[in-house]
């Protein structure tokens, strides 16, 4: 698993002002499992991480390592085409359409 997956789940939980106990209950896990996962004291199963992500409104996707930098840049650009010449109108952002 990428090193940033668990911190991303913890950040999403905190952003939603959800306690570890609330996440655990909604995901059908023990509070100790969530606490130990976020603390790095437990090497969780994929199913545990996937359930935590589901409760937080997230998906875990597998991306080829070689495409990760391009995907991250695409997301940071708000879903607009990369390398577009200046002055050219960008298409509507995928991210903006999801916020509606």
N, C-alpha and C. Protein backbone atom coordinates (compact mmCIF):
# COMPACT_ATOMS: atom_id res chain seq x y z
N UNK A 1 0.84 -1.18 0.00
CA UNK A 1 0.00 0.00 0.00
C UNK A 1 0.89 1.24 0.00
N UNK A 2 0.48 2.26 -0.72
CA UNK A 2 1.27 3.50 -0.70
C UNK A 2 1.34 4.06 0.72
N UNK A 3 2.43 4.73 1.02
CA UNK A 3 2.64 5.26 2.35
C UNK A 3 1.65 6.35 2.74
N UNK A 4 0.99 6.97 1.78
CA UNK A 4 0.11 8.09 2.09
C UNK A 4 -1.36 7.70 2.20
N UNK A 5 -1.70 6.44 2.04
CA UNK A 5 -3.10 6.03 2.09
C UNK A 5 -3.70 6.20 3.48
N UNK A 6 -3.05 5.69 4.49
CA UNK A 6 -3.59 5.76 5.84
C UNK A 6 -3.65 7.21 6.33
N UNK A 7 -2.59 8.02 6.13
CA UNK A 7 -2.73 9.43 6.51
C UNK A 7 -3.86 10.15 5.75
N UNK A 8 -4.10 9.76 4.51
CA UNK A 8 -5.20 10.38 3.75
C UNK A 8 -6.55 10.00 4.35
N UNK A 9 -6.70 8.76 4.78
CA UNK A 9 -7.94 8.34 5.42
C UNK A 9 -8.13 9.07 6.75
N UNK A 10 -7.06 9.20 7.53
CA UNK A 10 -7.14 9.91 8.80
C UNK A 10 -7.49 11.38 8.58
N UNK A 11 -6.89 11.99 7.57
CA UNK A 11 -7.19 13.40 7.27
C UNK A 11 -8.64 13.57 6.84
N UNK A 12 -9.14 12.64 6.05
CA UNK A 12 -10.54 12.70 5.61
C UNK A 12 -11.48 12.55 6.80
N UNK A 13 -11.14 11.66 7.71
CA UNK A 13 -11.97 11.48 8.91
C UNK A 13 -12.02 12.77 9.72
N UNK A 14 -10.86 13.37 9.92
CA UNK A 14 -10.78 14.61 10.71
C UNK A 14 -11.51 15.76 10.00
N UNK A 15 -11.38 15.83 8.68
CA UNK A 15 -12.04 16.88 7.91
C UNK A 15 -13.56 16.78 8.02
N UNK A 16 -14.04 15.56 8.20
CA UNK A 16 -15.48 15.34 8.36
C UNK A 16 -15.90 15.43 9.83
N UNK A 17 -14.95 15.80 10.69
CA UNK A 17 -15.19 15.93 12.13
C UNK A 17 -15.80 14.65 12.71
N UNK A 18 -15.22 13.54 12.26
CA UNK A 18 -15.67 12.22 12.72
C UNK A 18 -14.62 11.68 13.68
N UNK A 19 -15.07 11.11 14.77
CA UNK A 19 -14.13 10.50 15.72
C UNK A 19 -13.74 9.11 15.22
N UNK A 20 -12.67 8.60 15.79
CA UNK A 20 -12.26 7.24 15.46
C UNK A 20 -13.36 6.26 15.83
N UNK A 21 -14.03 6.51 16.94
CA UNK A 21 -15.11 5.62 17.39
C UNK A 21 -16.28 5.65 16.40
N UNK A 22 -16.62 6.83 15.89
CA UNK A 22 -17.72 6.94 14.92
C UNK A 22 -17.36 6.23 13.62
N UNK A 23 -16.12 6.40 13.16
CA UNK A 23 -15.68 5.72 11.94
C UNK A 23 -15.73 4.21 12.15
N UNK A 24 -15.23 3.77 13.29
CA UNK A 24 -15.20 2.34 13.59
C UNK A 24 -16.61 1.76 13.58
N UNK A 25 -17.53 2.44 14.25
CA UNK A 25 -18.90 1.93 14.32
C UNK A 25 -19.53 1.86 12.93
N UNK A 26 -19.36 2.91 12.14
CA UNK A 26 -19.95 2.93 10.79
C UNK A 26 -19.33 1.91 9.86
N UNK A 27 -18.05 1.59 10.09
CA UNK A 27 -17.34 0.64 9.24
C UNK A 27 -17.41 -0.80 9.76
N UNK A 28 -18.03 -0.99 10.92
CA UNK A 28 -18.10 -2.33 11.50
C UNK A 28 -16.77 -2.81 12.02
N UNK A 29 -15.96 -1.87 12.53
CA UNK A 29 -14.64 -2.19 13.06
C UNK A 29 -14.59 -1.81 14.53
N UNK A 30 -13.57 -2.25 15.22
CA UNK A 30 -13.39 -1.80 16.59
C UNK A 30 -12.67 -0.46 16.57
N UNK A 31 -12.91 0.34 17.60
CA UNK A 31 -12.22 1.62 17.70
C UNK A 31 -10.72 1.39 17.77
N UNK A 32 -10.31 0.31 18.43
CA UNK A 32 -8.89 -0.01 18.56
C UNK A 32 -8.27 -0.29 17.18
N UNK A 33 -9.01 -0.93 16.31
CA UNK A 33 -8.49 -1.20 14.95
C UNK A 33 -8.25 0.11 14.22
N UNK A 34 -9.19 1.04 14.29
CA UNK A 34 -9.01 2.34 13.63
C UNK A 34 -7.84 3.08 14.26
N UNK A 35 -7.79 3.09 15.57
CA UNK A 35 -6.72 3.79 16.28
C UNK A 35 -5.35 3.21 15.92
N UNK A 36 -5.22 1.91 15.95
CA UNK A 36 -3.94 1.27 15.65
C UNK A 36 -3.57 1.41 14.18
N UNK A 37 -4.57 1.41 13.29
CA UNK A 37 -4.30 1.60 11.86
C UNK A 37 -3.75 3.00 11.63
N UNK A 38 -4.45 4.01 12.15
CA UNK A 38 -4.01 5.39 11.96
C UNK A 38 -2.67 5.65 12.64
N UNK A 39 -2.41 4.96 13.75
CA UNK A 39 -1.15 5.15 14.47
C UNK A 39 0.02 4.40 13.88
N UNK A 40 -0.23 3.55 12.90
CA UNK A 40 0.84 2.79 12.27
C UNK A 40 1.25 1.55 13.06
N UNK A 41 0.43 1.19 14.05
CA UNK A 41 0.75 0.02 14.87
C UNK A 41 0.14 -1.27 14.33
N UNK A 42 -0.59 -1.17 13.24
CA UNK A 42 -1.29 -2.32 12.68
C UNK A 42 -1.12 -2.29 11.16
N UNK A 43 -0.82 -3.43 10.58
CA UNK A 43 -0.76 -3.56 9.13
C UNK A 43 -2.13 -4.09 8.71
N UNK A 44 -3.05 -3.19 8.34
CA UNK A 44 -4.43 -3.60 8.13
C UNK A 44 -4.63 -4.38 6.84
N UNK A 45 -5.70 -5.15 6.82
CA UNK A 45 -6.12 -5.83 5.60
C UNK A 45 -6.66 -4.79 4.62
N UNK A 46 -6.62 -5.13 3.36
CA UNK A 46 -7.20 -4.26 2.34
C UNK A 46 -8.67 -4.01 2.63
N UNK A 47 -9.39 -5.05 3.05
CA UNK A 47 -10.83 -4.90 3.31
C UNK A 47 -11.10 -3.89 4.42
N UNK A 48 -10.21 -3.80 5.40
CA UNK A 48 -10.36 -2.81 6.47
C UNK A 48 -10.22 -1.41 5.91
N UNK A 49 -9.18 -1.19 5.10
CA UNK A 49 -8.96 0.13 4.51
C UNK A 49 -10.08 0.50 3.55
N UNK A 50 -10.54 -0.47 2.78
CA UNK A 50 -11.62 -0.21 1.82
C UNK A 50 -12.90 0.18 2.54
N UNK A 51 -13.18 -0.45 3.67
CA UNK A 51 -14.39 -0.13 4.43
C UNK A 51 -14.28 1.24 5.08
N UNK A 52 -13.11 1.56 5.60
CA UNK A 52 -12.89 2.90 6.15
C UNK A 52 -13.09 3.95 5.05
N UNK A 53 -12.53 3.69 3.89
CA UNK A 53 -12.66 4.62 2.76
C UNK A 53 -14.13 4.77 2.36
N UNK A 54 -14.85 3.67 2.29
CA UNK A 54 -16.27 3.73 1.89
C UNK A 54 -17.06 4.63 2.82
N UNK A 55 -16.85 4.45 4.12
CA UNK A 55 -17.57 5.26 5.11
C UNK A 55 -17.23 6.74 4.95
N UNK A 56 -16.00 7.02 4.55
CA UNK A 56 -15.55 8.40 4.38
C UNK A 56 -15.90 8.98 3.01
N UNK A 57 -16.61 8.19 2.20
CA UNK A 57 -17.00 8.66 0.87
C UNK A 57 -15.86 8.65 -0.12
N UNK A 58 -14.93 7.73 0.07
CA UNK A 58 -13.75 7.64 -0.79
C UNK A 58 -13.68 6.26 -1.43
N UNK A 59 -12.89 6.16 -2.50
CA UNK A 59 -12.59 4.89 -3.14
C UNK A 59 -11.08 4.69 -3.12
N UNK A 60 -10.68 3.46 -3.02
CA UNK A 60 -9.26 3.11 -3.17
C UNK A 60 -9.12 2.52 -4.56
N UNK A 61 -8.26 3.11 -5.36
CA UNK A 61 -8.08 2.61 -6.72
C UNK A 61 -6.61 2.24 -6.94
N UNK A 62 -6.41 1.25 -7.77
CA UNK A 62 -5.06 0.84 -8.14
C UNK A 62 -4.66 1.59 -9.41
N UNK A 63 -3.53 2.27 -9.33
CA UNK A 63 -3.02 3.05 -10.45
C UNK A 63 -1.59 2.59 -10.73
N UNK A 64 -1.26 2.32 -11.99
CA UNK A 64 0.13 1.96 -12.28
C UNK A 64 1.08 3.05 -11.76
N UNK A 65 2.14 2.64 -11.12
CA UNK A 65 3.10 3.59 -10.54
C UNK A 65 3.59 4.61 -11.54
N UNK A 66 3.77 4.19 -12.78
CA UNK A 66 4.26 5.10 -13.80
C UNK A 66 3.27 6.21 -14.12
N UNK A 67 1.98 5.99 -13.85
CA UNK A 67 0.95 7.00 -14.14
C UNK A 67 0.61 7.88 -12.94
N UNK A 68 1.10 7.51 -11.77
CA UNK A 68 0.72 8.26 -10.57
C UNK A 68 1.08 9.75 -10.65
N UNK A 69 2.29 10.14 -11.07
CA UNK A 69 2.59 11.57 -11.15
C UNK A 69 1.64 12.33 -12.08
N UNK A 70 1.30 11.73 -13.21
CA UNK A 70 0.38 12.39 -14.14
C UNK A 70 -1.02 12.49 -13.55
N UNK A 71 -1.46 11.45 -12.87
CA UNK A 71 -2.78 11.47 -12.25
C UNK A 71 -2.84 12.52 -11.14
N UNK A 72 -1.80 12.59 -10.32
CA UNK A 72 -1.77 13.58 -9.25
C UNK A 72 -1.78 15.00 -9.83
N UNK A 73 -1.03 15.22 -10.90
CA UNK A 73 -1.01 16.53 -11.55
C UNK A 73 -2.38 16.87 -12.12
N UNK A 74 -3.06 15.90 -12.70
CA UNK A 74 -4.40 16.09 -13.26
C UNK A 74 -5.37 16.49 -12.15
N UNK A 75 -5.30 15.81 -11.03
CA UNK A 75 -6.18 16.12 -9.90
C UNK A 75 -5.88 17.51 -9.36
N UNK A 76 -4.61 17.84 -9.21
CA UNK A 76 -4.22 19.16 -8.70
C UNK A 76 -4.63 20.27 -9.66
N UNK A 77 -4.72 19.96 -10.94
CA UNK A 77 -5.14 20.95 -11.94
C UNK A 77 -6.65 21.10 -11.97
N UNK A 78 -7.33 20.41 -11.10
CA UNK A 78 -8.78 20.50 -11.04
C UNK A 78 -9.47 19.73 -12.15
N UNK A 79 -8.80 18.75 -12.71
CA UNK A 79 -9.41 17.93 -13.75
C UNK A 79 -9.32 18.54 -15.13
N UNK A 80 -8.53 19.61 -15.28
CA UNK A 80 -8.37 20.25 -16.59
C UNK A 80 -7.25 19.54 -17.36
N UNK A 81 -7.24 19.71 -18.64
CA UNK A 81 -6.19 19.10 -19.46
C UNK A 81 -4.84 19.70 -19.07
N UNK A 82 -3.85 18.86 -19.05
CA UNK A 82 -2.50 19.31 -18.71
C UNK A 82 -1.77 19.75 -19.97
N UNK A 83 -0.87 20.69 -19.82
CA UNK A 83 -0.07 21.15 -20.94
C UNK A 83 -0.84 22.00 -21.93
N UNK A 84 -1.97 22.53 -21.52
CA UNK A 84 -2.79 23.35 -22.41
C UNK A 84 -2.13 24.72 -22.56
N UNK A 85 -2.03 25.23 -23.79
CA UNK A 85 -1.39 26.54 -23.99
C UNK A 85 -2.12 27.64 -23.23
N UNK A 86 -1.35 28.63 -22.76
CA UNK A 86 -1.94 29.76 -22.05
C UNK A 86 -2.89 30.52 -22.97
N UNK A 87 -3.95 31.04 -22.39
CA UNK A 87 -4.91 31.83 -23.17
C UNK A 87 -6.01 30.99 -23.80
N UNK A 88 -5.85 29.69 -23.81
CA UNK A 88 -6.87 28.81 -24.37
C UNK A 88 -7.80 28.42 -23.23
N UNK A 89 -9.09 28.57 -23.45
CA UNK A 89 -10.03 28.21 -22.40
C UNK A 89 -9.96 26.72 -22.12
N UNK A 90 -9.92 26.40 -20.85
CA UNK A 90 -9.90 25.00 -20.45
C UNK A 90 -11.31 24.46 -20.43
N UNK A 91 -11.45 23.18 -20.63
CA UNK A 91 -12.79 22.58 -20.53
C UNK A 91 -13.26 22.67 -19.09
N UNK A 92 -14.55 22.49 -18.87
CA UNK A 92 -15.04 22.50 -17.49
C UNK A 92 -14.29 21.45 -16.66
N UNK A 93 -14.01 21.81 -15.44
CA UNK A 93 -13.28 20.91 -14.55
C UNK A 93 -14.17 19.77 -14.09
N UNK A 94 -13.63 18.58 -14.13
CA UNK A 94 -14.33 17.41 -13.62
C UNK A 94 -14.61 17.61 -12.14
N UNK A 95 -13.64 18.15 -11.43
CA UNK A 95 -13.78 18.38 -9.99
C UNK A 95 -14.92 19.37 -9.73
N UNK A 96 -14.98 20.46 -10.54
CA UNK A 96 -16.05 21.45 -10.35
C UNK A 96 -17.43 20.82 -10.56
N UNK A 97 -17.54 19.93 -11.53
CA UNK A 97 -18.84 19.32 -11.78
C UNK A 97 -19.25 18.38 -10.65
N UNK A 98 -18.29 17.80 -9.95
CA UNK A 98 -18.59 16.91 -8.83
C UNK A 98 -19.05 17.69 -7.61
N UNK A 99 -18.64 18.95 -7.50
CA UNK A 99 -19.00 19.77 -6.35
C UNK A 99 -20.44 20.25 -6.42
N UNK A 100 -21.04 20.20 -7.60
CA UNK A 100 -22.41 20.71 -7.77
C UNK A 100 -23.42 19.78 -7.20
